Amino acid sequence: MNDELRTKIEKVYFELQKEACAPIIGKLNEGINSINKSMPKSYSNFLNVCNGGRFGSIDLWSNELIFDNQYRVTEMVGGNGNWFCIGQVLYEPLVVKLDTEDIYLFYQGYENEIEGKCFGNLDTFLNDYVFGKKYAEIIPDAEEEEWYIFLNKINLI
């Protein structure tokens, strides 16, 4: 994870603690050091900084929950040998392609028929879509959502 993204996450964590309605906006868990190493390196690095959380309509699994959610990739082409589920966007699986560590969003019921939307690597996804203005590209009516309004308030978008 690059320093710019790490700083952005720390800013969001700090600013969110000031918000009276923080539970409605989102939740960032403090990073942890004891991480199961049998997951993509980019995601374990993220968990060191932020042990998952809820970012508006995007959920990123914590170290404690991530292995309970791997059932979501079993029906995908290549199954667990090709994909690792790291969260969900509006309840649709958000996965890492293991050979490239690129992030994909798949729509349930279509995993075997079409390739999902690729967001690039985890840093790009976090920077642009979780903590940036591209959030509005994947979340309908994002401009009215508390998370997006919060990001705007703290000058991240």
N, C-alpha and C. Protein backbone atom coordinates (compact mmCIF):
# COMPACT_ATOMS: atom_id res chain seq x y z
N MET A 1 0.85 -1.18 0.00
CA MET A 1 0.00 0.00 0.00
C MET A 1 0.89 1.23 0.00
N ASN A 2 0.55 2.18 -0.87
CA ASN A 2 1.38 3.38 -0.95
C ASN A 2 1.05 4.35 0.20
N ASP A 3 1.97 5.26 0.45
CA ASP A 3 1.84 6.20 1.58
C ASP A 3 0.65 7.13 1.42
N GLU A 4 0.35 7.54 0.20
CA GLU A 4 -0.78 8.44 -0.04
C GLU A 4 -2.10 7.78 0.38
N LEU A 5 -2.26 6.51 0.01
CA LEU A 5 -3.47 5.79 0.36
C LEU A 5 -3.54 5.55 1.87
N ARG A 6 -2.43 5.20 2.46
CA ARG A 6 -2.38 4.99 3.92
C ARG A 6 -2.80 6.27 4.64
N THR A 7 -2.32 7.42 4.18
CA THR A 7 -2.67 8.71 4.78
C THR A 7 -4.16 9.00 4.60
N LYS A 8 -4.69 8.67 3.44
CA LYS A 8 -6.11 8.89 3.17
C LYS A 8 -6.97 8.05 4.12
N ILE A 9 -6.60 6.80 4.32
CA ILE A 9 -7.34 5.92 5.23
C ILE A 9 -7.28 6.46 6.66
N GLU A 10 -6.12 6.90 7.08
CA GLU A 10 -5.98 7.47 8.42
C GLU A 10 -6.83 8.72 8.59
N LYS A 11 -6.89 9.55 7.55
CA LYS A 11 -7.72 10.75 7.60
C LYS A 11 -9.20 10.38 7.74
N VAL A 12 -9.66 9.43 6.95
CA VAL A 12 -11.05 9.00 7.02
C VAL A 12 -11.36 8.45 8.40
N TYR A 13 -10.47 7.62 8.93
CA TYR A 13 -10.66 7.04 10.26
C TYR A 13 -10.79 8.15 11.31
N PHE A 14 -9.90 9.12 11.28
CA PHE A 14 -9.89 10.22 12.23
C PHE A 14 -11.16 11.08 12.09
N GLU A 15 -11.50 11.45 10.85
CA GLU A 15 -12.65 12.32 10.62
C GLU A 15 -13.97 11.61 10.94
N LEU A 16 -14.04 10.32 10.69
CA LEU A 16 -15.25 9.57 10.97
C LEU A 16 -15.53 9.51 12.47
N GLN A 17 -14.49 9.48 13.28
CA GLN A 17 -14.67 9.45 14.74
C GLN A 17 -15.32 10.73 15.26
N LYS A 18 -15.22 11.82 14.52
CA LYS A 18 -15.81 13.10 14.92
C LYS A 18 -17.31 13.17 14.61
N GLU A 19 -17.78 12.29 13.76
CA GLU A 19 -19.15 12.33 13.27
C GLU A 19 -20.12 11.68 14.26
N ALA A 20 -21.17 12.40 14.62
CA ALA A 20 -22.19 11.87 15.52
C ALA A 20 -22.93 10.70 14.87
N CYS A 21 -23.12 10.77 13.57
CA CYS A 21 -23.86 9.70 12.88
C CYS A 21 -22.91 8.74 12.17
N ALA A 22 -21.72 8.55 12.70
CA ALA A 22 -20.73 7.66 12.09
C ALA A 22 -21.26 6.27 11.78
N PRO A 23 -22.04 5.64 12.66
CA PRO A 23 -22.53 4.29 12.33
C PRO A 23 -23.38 4.24 11.07
N ILE A 24 -24.02 5.33 10.72
CA ILE A 24 -24.82 5.38 9.50
C ILE A 24 -23.92 5.57 8.29
N ILE A 25 -22.84 6.32 8.46
CA ILE A 25 -21.93 6.66 7.37
C ILE A 25 -21.07 5.47 6.96
N GLY A 26 -20.39 4.89 7.92
CA GLY A 26 -19.49 3.79 7.64
C GLY A 26 -18.73 3.38 8.88
N LYS A 27 -17.86 2.39 8.74
CA LYS A 27 -17.07 1.91 9.87
C LYS A 27 -15.74 1.38 9.36
N LEU A 28 -14.67 1.91 9.91
CA LEU A 28 -13.33 1.42 9.61
C LEU A 28 -12.78 0.77 10.86
N ASN A 29 -12.36 -0.46 10.75
CA ASN A 29 -11.76 -1.15 11.89
C ASN A 29 -10.26 -0.86 11.94
N GLU A 30 -9.73 -0.80 13.13
CA GLU A 30 -8.29 -0.58 13.28
C GLU A 30 -7.53 -1.74 12.66
N GLY A 31 -6.38 -1.44 12.09
CA GLY A 31 -5.54 -2.46 11.49
C GLY A 31 -5.05 -3.46 12.51
N ILE A 32 -4.65 -4.63 12.04
CA ILE A 32 -4.16 -5.68 12.92
C ILE A 32 -2.84 -6.22 12.38
N ASN A 33 -2.09 -6.86 13.26
CA ASN A 33 -0.80 -7.44 12.87
C ASN A 33 -0.88 -8.95 12.65
N SER A 34 -1.80 -9.60 13.34
CA SER A 34 -1.92 -11.06 13.27
C SER A 34 -2.90 -11.42 12.16
N ILE A 35 -2.38 -11.65 10.96
CA ILE A 35 -3.22 -11.90 9.79
C ILE A 35 -2.93 -13.28 9.22
N ASN A 36 -3.98 -13.97 8.85
CA ASN A 36 -3.84 -15.25 8.19
C ASN A 36 -3.12 -15.02 6.85
N LYS A 37 -2.02 -15.66 6.65
CA LYS A 37 -1.18 -15.42 5.47
C LYS A 37 -1.67 -16.12 4.21
N SER A 38 -2.75 -16.89 4.30
CA SER A 38 -3.22 -17.60 3.11
C SER A 38 -4.26 -16.78 2.34
N MET A 39 -3.97 -15.50 2.19
CA MET A 39 -4.82 -14.61 1.39
C MET A 39 -3.91 -13.75 0.52
N PRO A 40 -4.45 -13.08 -0.48
CA PRO A 40 -3.60 -12.24 -1.33
C PRO A 40 -2.81 -11.21 -0.51
N LYS A 41 -1.56 -11.04 -0.88
CA LYS A 41 -0.67 -10.15 -0.14
C LYS A 41 -1.19 -8.72 -0.08
N SER A 42 -1.75 -8.22 -1.17
CA SER A 42 -2.26 -6.85 -1.18
C SER A 42 -3.37 -6.67 -0.14
N TYR A 43 -4.22 -7.70 0.01
CA TYR A 43 -5.31 -7.58 0.98
C TYR A 43 -4.80 -7.73 2.41
N SER A 44 -3.84 -8.60 2.63
CA SER A 44 -3.29 -8.70 3.99
C SER A 44 -2.58 -7.41 4.37
N ASN A 45 -1.95 -6.73 3.41
CA ASN A 45 -1.33 -5.42 3.69
C ASN A 45 -2.40 -4.39 4.06
N PHE A 46 -3.56 -4.44 3.39
CA PHE A 46 -4.67 -3.55 3.73
C PHE A 46 -5.15 -3.82 5.16
N LEU A 47 -5.26 -5.11 5.52
CA LEU A 47 -5.75 -5.44 6.86
C LEU A 47 -4.79 -4.95 7.95
N ASN A 48 -3.53 -4.81 7.62
CA ASN A 48 -2.58 -4.22 8.58
C ASN A 48 -2.96 -2.78 8.92
N VAL A 49 -3.51 -2.07 7.94
CA VAL A 49 -3.88 -0.66 8.11
C VAL A 49 -5.33 -0.53 8.56
N CYS A 50 -6.20 -1.34 7.98
CA CYS A 50 -7.64 -1.27 8.25
C CYS A 50 -8.20 -2.68 8.18
N ASN A 51 -8.60 -3.22 9.30
CA ASN A 51 -9.10 -4.59 9.35
C ASN A 51 -10.55 -4.65 8.86
N GLY A 52 -10.71 -4.32 7.60
CA GLY A 52 -12.02 -4.34 6.98
C GLY A 52 -12.92 -3.22 7.46
N GLY A 53 -14.14 -3.24 6.98
CA GLY A 53 -15.09 -2.22 7.40
C GLY A 53 -16.23 -2.07 6.42
N ARG A 54 -17.07 -1.09 6.73
CA ARG A 54 -18.22 -0.75 5.88
C ARG A 54 -18.02 0.66 5.39
N PHE A 55 -17.99 0.82 4.10
CA PHE A 55 -17.72 2.10 3.44
C PHE A 55 -18.93 2.42 2.58
N GLY A 56 -19.99 2.90 3.21
CA GLY A 56 -21.24 3.11 2.48
C GLY A 56 -21.80 1.78 2.03
N SER A 57 -21.93 1.59 0.73
CA SER A 57 -22.48 0.35 0.17
C SER A 57 -21.40 -0.67 -0.18
N ILE A 58 -20.18 -0.41 0.24
CA ILE A 58 -19.07 -1.34 0.00
C ILE A 58 -18.63 -1.92 1.34
N ASP A 59 -18.63 -3.23 1.42
CA ASP A 59 -18.13 -3.93 2.61
C ASP A 59 -16.83 -4.63 2.24
N LEU A 60 -15.82 -4.47 3.07
CA LEU A 60 -14.57 -5.21 2.91
C LEU A 60 -14.40 -6.07 4.16
N TRP A 61 -14.25 -7.37 3.95
CA TRP A 61 -14.24 -8.32 5.06
C TRP A 61 -13.03 -8.14 5.96
N SER A 62 -13.25 -8.32 7.23
CA SER A 62 -12.16 -8.32 8.23
C SER A 62 -11.45 -9.66 8.19
N ASN A 63 -10.31 -9.72 8.84
CA ASN A 63 -9.55 -10.96 8.94
C ASN A 63 -10.40 -12.06 9.58
N GLU A 64 -11.26 -11.67 10.51
CA GLU A 64 -12.09 -12.64 11.22
C GLU A 64 -13.22 -13.21 10.35
N LEU A 65 -13.69 -12.44 9.39
CA LEU A 65 -14.84 -12.85 8.57
C LEU A 65 -14.49 -13.35 7.17
N ILE A 66 -13.29 -13.07 6.72
CA ILE A 66 -12.97 -13.28 5.31
C ILE A 66 -13.08 -14.73 4.86
N PHE A 67 -12.65 -15.67 5.69
CA PHE A 67 -12.68 -17.07 5.26
C PHE A 67 -14.08 -17.66 5.31
N ASP A 68 -14.97 -17.06 6.10
CA ASP A 68 -16.37 -17.49 6.12
C ASP A 68 -17.10 -17.10 4.84
N ASN A 69 -16.53 -16.21 4.06
CA ASN A 69 -17.18 -15.71 2.85
C ASN A 69 -16.59 -16.27 1.55
N GLN A 70 -15.71 -17.23 1.65
CA GLN A 70 -15.10 -17.78 0.44
C GLN A 70 -16.04 -18.68 -0.34
N TYR A 71 -17.17 -19.07 0.25
CA TYR A 71 -18.17 -19.85 -0.48
C TYR A 71 -18.66 -19.09 -1.72
N ARG A 72 -18.51 -17.78 -1.71
CA ARG A 72 -19.02 -16.95 -2.80
C ARG A 72 -18.24 -17.15 -4.11
N VAL A 73 -17.05 -17.73 -4.05
CA VAL A 73 -16.26 -17.93 -5.27
C VAL A 73 -16.27 -19.37 -5.76
N THR A 74 -16.89 -20.27 -5.03
CA THR A 74 -16.83 -21.68 -5.42
C THR A 74 -17.49 -21.96 -6.76
N GLU A 75 -18.51 -21.22 -7.14
CA GLU A 75 -19.20 -21.45 -8.41
C GLU A 75 -18.61 -20.64 -9.57
N MET A 76 -17.65 -19.79 -9.28
CA MET A 76 -17.04 -18.97 -10.32
C MET A 76 -16.04 -19.82 -11.11
N VAL A 77 -15.77 -19.45 -12.35
CA VAL A 77 -14.82 -20.19 -13.17
C VAL A 77 -13.46 -20.22 -12.47
N GLY A 78 -12.97 -21.41 -12.20
CA GLY A 78 -11.70 -21.57 -11.49
C GLY A 78 -11.86 -21.66 -9.99
N GLY A 79 -13.03 -21.30 -9.47
CA GLY A 79 -13.33 -21.42 -8.05
C GLY A 79 -12.28 -20.81 -7.14
N ASN A 80 -12.06 -21.45 -6.01
CA ASN A 80 -11.13 -20.96 -4.99
C ASN A 80 -9.68 -20.93 -5.47
N GLY A 81 -9.37 -21.67 -6.51
CA GLY A 81 -8.01 -21.64 -7.04
C GLY A 81 -7.71 -20.41 -7.89
N ASN A 82 -8.76 -19.69 -8.28
CA ASN A 82 -8.61 -18.53 -9.16
C ASN A 82 -9.03 -17.23 -8.50
N TRP A 83 -9.93 -17.31 -7.50
CA TRP A 83 -10.54 -16.12 -6.92
C TRP A 83 -10.48 -16.15 -5.39
N PHE A 84 -10.49 -14.96 -4.81
CA PHE A 84 -10.55 -14.82 -3.35
C PHE A 84 -11.49 -13.66 -3.05
N CYS A 85 -12.57 -13.94 -2.32
CA CYS A 85 -13.58 -12.92 -2.04
C CYS A 85 -13.11 -12.03 -0.89
N ILE A 86 -13.08 -10.71 -1.13
CA ILE A 86 -12.63 -9.76 -0.11
C ILE A 86 -13.77 -8.89 0.42
N GLY A 87 -14.94 -8.98 -0.21
CA GLY A 87 -16.05 -8.15 0.26
C GLY A 87 -17.21 -8.18 -0.70
N GLN A 88 -18.01 -7.11 -0.63
CA GLN A 88 -19.18 -7.03 -1.50
C GLN A 88 -19.51 -5.56 -1.77
N VAL A 89 -20.13 -5.35 -2.93
CA VAL A 89 -20.64 -4.04 -3.31
C VAL A 89 -22.12 -4.24 -3.57
N LEU A 90 -22.95 -3.61 -2.75
CA LEU A 90 -24.40 -3.81 -2.85
C LEU A 90 -24.73 -5.30 -2.88
N TYR A 91 -24.06 -6.07 -2.03
CA TYR A 91 -24.26 -7.51 -1.84
C TYR A 91 -23.75 -8.37 -2.99
N GLU A 92 -23.10 -7.77 -3.97
CA GLU A 92 -22.50 -8.54 -5.06
C GLU A 92 -21.04 -8.81 -4.72
N PRO A 93 -20.52 -9.99 -5.03
CA PRO A 93 -19.16 -10.36 -4.61
C PRO A 93 -18.04 -9.50 -5.23
N LEU A 94 -17.16 -9.07 -4.37
CA LEU A 94 -15.96 -8.33 -4.76
C LEU A 94 -14.79 -9.27 -4.53
N VAL A 95 -14.06 -9.58 -5.59
CA VAL A 95 -13.05 -10.64 -5.51
C VAL A 95 -11.70 -10.19 -6.05
N VAL A 96 -10.68 -10.91 -5.62
CA VAL A 96 -9.32 -10.73 -6.13
C VAL A 96 -9.03 -11.90 -7.06
N LYS A 97 -8.53 -11.61 -8.25
CA LYS A 97 -8.06 -12.66 -9.15
C LYS A 97 -6.66 -13.02 -8.67
N LEU A 98 -6.47 -14.25 -8.26
CA LEU A 98 -5.25 -14.62 -7.56
C LEU A 98 -3.97 -14.49 -8.38
N ASP A 99 -4.03 -14.70 -9.69
CA ASP A 99 -2.79 -14.64 -10.46
C ASP A 99 -2.32 -13.21 -10.74
N THR A 100 -3.24 -12.25 -10.72
CA THR A 100 -2.85 -10.86 -11.01
C THR A 100 -3.05 -9.92 -9.81
N GLU A 101 -3.86 -10.34 -8.85
CA GLU A 101 -4.30 -9.54 -7.71
C GLU A 101 -5.11 -8.32 -8.13
N ASP A 102 -5.74 -8.39 -9.31
CA ASP A 102 -6.68 -7.35 -9.71
C ASP A 102 -8.02 -7.60 -9.02
N ILE A 103 -8.77 -6.53 -8.82
CA ILE A 103 -10.06 -6.57 -8.13
C ILE A 103 -11.18 -6.60 -9.16
N TYR A 104 -12.14 -7.50 -8.96
CA TYR A 104 -13.28 -7.64 -9.86
C TYR A 104 -14.58 -7.62 -9.06
N LEU A 105 -15.62 -7.09 -9.70
CA LEU A 105 -16.96 -7.14 -9.15
C LEU A 105 -17.79 -8.01 -10.09
N PHE A 106 -18.42 -9.03 -9.52
CA PHE A 106 -19.29 -9.92 -10.29
C PHE A 106 -20.72 -9.77 -9.81
N TYR A 107 -21.64 -9.91 -10.73
CA TYR A 107 -23.06 -9.86 -10.40
C TYR A 107 -23.55 -11.28 -10.24
N GLN A 108 -24.19 -11.58 -9.14
CA GLN A 108 -24.63 -12.94 -8.84
C GLN A 108 -25.51 -13.47 -9.95
N GLY A 109 -25.27 -14.74 -10.29
CA GLY A 109 -26.03 -15.37 -11.35
C GLY A 109 -25.34 -15.27 -12.70
N TYR A 110 -24.29 -14.45 -12.81
CA TYR A 110 -23.62 -14.25 -14.09
C TYR A 110 -22.13 -14.62 -14.07
N GLU A 111 -21.63 -15.12 -12.93
CA GLU A 111 -20.20 -15.38 -12.80
C GLU A 111 -19.64 -16.26 -13.91
N ASN A 112 -20.40 -17.24 -14.34
CA ASN A 112 -19.90 -18.18 -15.34
C ASN A 112 -20.11 -17.71 -16.77
N GLU A 113 -20.90 -16.66 -16.96
CA GLU A 113 -21.23 -16.22 -18.31
C GLU A 113 -20.43 -15.02 -18.78
N ILE A 114 -20.10 -14.11 -17.89
CA ILE A 114 -19.37 -12.90 -18.28
C ILE A 114 -18.24 -12.64 -17.30
N GLU A 115 -17.26 -11.93 -17.77
CA GLU A 115 -16.19 -11.52 -16.87
C GLU A 115 -16.67 -10.29 -16.11
N GLY A 116 -16.32 -10.22 -14.86
CA GLY A 116 -16.76 -9.10 -14.04
C GLY A 116 -16.06 -7.80 -14.41
N LYS A 117 -16.48 -6.76 -13.74
CA LYS A 117 -15.87 -5.44 -13.94
C LYS A 117 -14.54 -5.42 -13.19
N CYS A 118 -13.47 -5.08 -13.89
CA CYS A 118 -12.14 -5.02 -13.30
C CYS A 118 -11.83 -3.59 -12.88
N PHE A 119 -11.34 -3.43 -11.65
CA PHE A 119 -10.99 -2.12 -11.10
C PHE A 119 -9.48 -1.89 -11.02
N GLY A 120 -8.69 -2.82 -11.51
CA GLY A 120 -7.24 -2.71 -11.35
C GLY A 120 -6.83 -3.30 -10.01
N ASN A 121 -5.68 -2.87 -9.51
CA ASN A 121 -5.19 -3.44 -8.25
C ASN A 121 -5.94 -2.87 -7.04
N LEU A 122 -5.67 -3.42 -5.87
CA LEU A 122 -6.38 -3.03 -4.67
C LEU A 122 -6.17 -1.56 -4.33
N ASP A 123 -4.95 -1.06 -4.45
CA ASP A 123 -4.71 0.36 -4.16
C ASP A 123 -5.56 1.27 -5.04
N THR A 124 -5.67 0.93 -6.31
CA THR A 124 -6.48 1.72 -7.23
C THR A 124 -7.96 1.66 -6.83
N PHE A 125 -8.43 0.47 -6.52
CA PHE A 125 -9.83 0.32 -6.11
C PHE A 125 -10.11 1.13 -4.84
N LEU A 126 -9.25 1.01 -3.86
CA LEU A 126 -9.47 1.75 -2.60
C LEU A 126 -9.42 3.26 -2.84
N ASN A 127 -8.40 3.70 -3.52
CA ASN A 127 -8.19 5.13 -3.74
C ASN A 127 -9.32 5.76 -4.56
N ASP A 128 -9.70 5.11 -5.65
CA ASP A 128 -10.65 5.69 -6.60
C ASP A 128 -12.11 5.40 -6.28
N TYR A 129 -12.41 4.17 -5.84
CA TYR A 129 -13.80 3.75 -5.69
C TYR A 129 -14.29 3.75 -4.24
N VAL A 130 -13.46 3.36 -3.30
CA VAL A 130 -13.89 3.36 -1.90
C VAL A 130 -13.75 4.75 -1.29
N PHE A 131 -12.62 5.40 -1.55
CA PHE A 131 -12.33 6.71 -0.95
C PHE A 131 -12.28 7.84 -1.98
N GLY A 132 -12.85 7.62 -3.15
CA GLY A 132 -12.76 8.64 -4.20
C GLY A 132 -14.07 8.83 -4.95
N LYS A 133 -14.03 9.72 -5.94
CA LYS A 133 -15.25 10.10 -6.65
C LYS A 133 -15.80 9.02 -7.57
N LYS A 134 -15.00 8.01 -7.90
CA LYS A 134 -15.51 6.92 -8.73
C LYS A 134 -16.48 6.01 -7.97
N TYR A 135 -16.62 6.23 -6.67
CA TYR A 135 -17.64 5.54 -5.88
C TYR A 135 -18.99 5.70 -6.59
N ALA A 136 -19.25 6.89 -7.10
CA ALA A 136 -20.53 7.19 -7.75
C ALA A 136 -20.72 6.41 -9.05
N GLU A 137 -19.65 5.85 -9.62
CA GLU A 137 -19.78 5.07 -10.84
C GLU A 137 -20.33 3.67 -10.59
N ILE A 138 -20.19 3.19 -9.35
CA ILE A 138 -20.65 1.82 -9.06
C ILE A 138 -21.80 1.77 -8.08
N ILE A 139 -22.14 2.90 -7.46
CA ILE A 139 -23.24 2.95 -6.50
C ILE A 139 -24.33 3.89 -7.04
N PRO A 140 -25.51 3.36 -7.30
CA PRO A 140 -26.60 4.21 -7.79
C PRO A 140 -26.96 5.30 -6.77
N ASP A 141 -27.23 6.49 -7.26
CA ASP A 141 -27.63 7.62 -6.42
C ASP A 141 -26.64 7.91 -5.30
N ALA A 142 -25.37 7.71 -5.58
CA ALA A 142 -24.32 7.90 -4.57
C ALA A 142 -24.34 9.31 -3.99
N GLU A 143 -24.70 10.28 -4.78
CA GLU A 143 -24.69 11.67 -4.32
C GLU A 143 -25.60 11.89 -3.13
N GLU A 144 -26.54 11.00 -2.91
CA GLU A 144 -27.48 11.11 -1.79
C GLU A 144 -27.10 10.20 -0.63
N GLU A 145 -26.05 9.43 -0.79
CA GLU A 145 -25.65 8.47 0.23
C GLU A 145 -24.71 9.11 1.25
N GLU A 146 -24.85 8.73 2.49
CA GLU A 146 -24.08 9.32 3.59
C GLU A 146 -22.57 9.19 3.40
N TRP A 147 -22.11 8.05 2.90
CA TRP A 147 -20.67 7.85 2.72
C TRP A 147 -20.10 8.84 1.71
N TYR A 148 -20.77 8.98 0.59
CA TYR A 148 -20.32 9.88 -0.47
C TYR A 148 -20.36 11.33 0.00
N ILE A 149 -21.40 11.69 0.72
CA ILE A 149 -21.52 13.04 1.28
C ILE A 149 -20.38 13.29 2.26
N PHE A 150 -20.06 12.30 3.07
CA PHE A 150 -18.96 12.40 4.04
C PHE A 150 -17.62 12.60 3.31
N LEU A 151 -17.36 11.81 2.26
CA LEU A 151 -16.11 11.95 1.51
C LEU A 151 -15.99 13.36 0.93
N ASN A 152 -17.09 13.89 0.46
CA ASN A 152 -17.10 15.25 -0.06
C ASN A 152 -16.83 16.26 1.05
N LYS A 153 -17.44 16.06 2.19
CA LYS A 153 -17.27 16.96 3.34
C LYS A 153 -15.81 17.07 3.79
N ILE A 154 -15.10 15.94 3.71
CA ILE A 154 -13.69 15.95 4.16
C ILE A 154 -12.72 16.15 2.99
N ASN A 155 -13.28 16.60 1.87
CA ASN A 155 -12.49 16.99 0.68
C ASN A 155 -11.71 15.86 0.02
N LEU A 156 -12.29 14.67 0.01
CA LEU A 156 -11.64 13.57 -0.72
C LEU A 156 -12.20 13.44 -2.13
N ILE A 157 -13.35 14.08 -2.37
CA ILE A 157 -13.92 14.08 -3.73
C ILE A 157 -14.31 15.50 -4.11
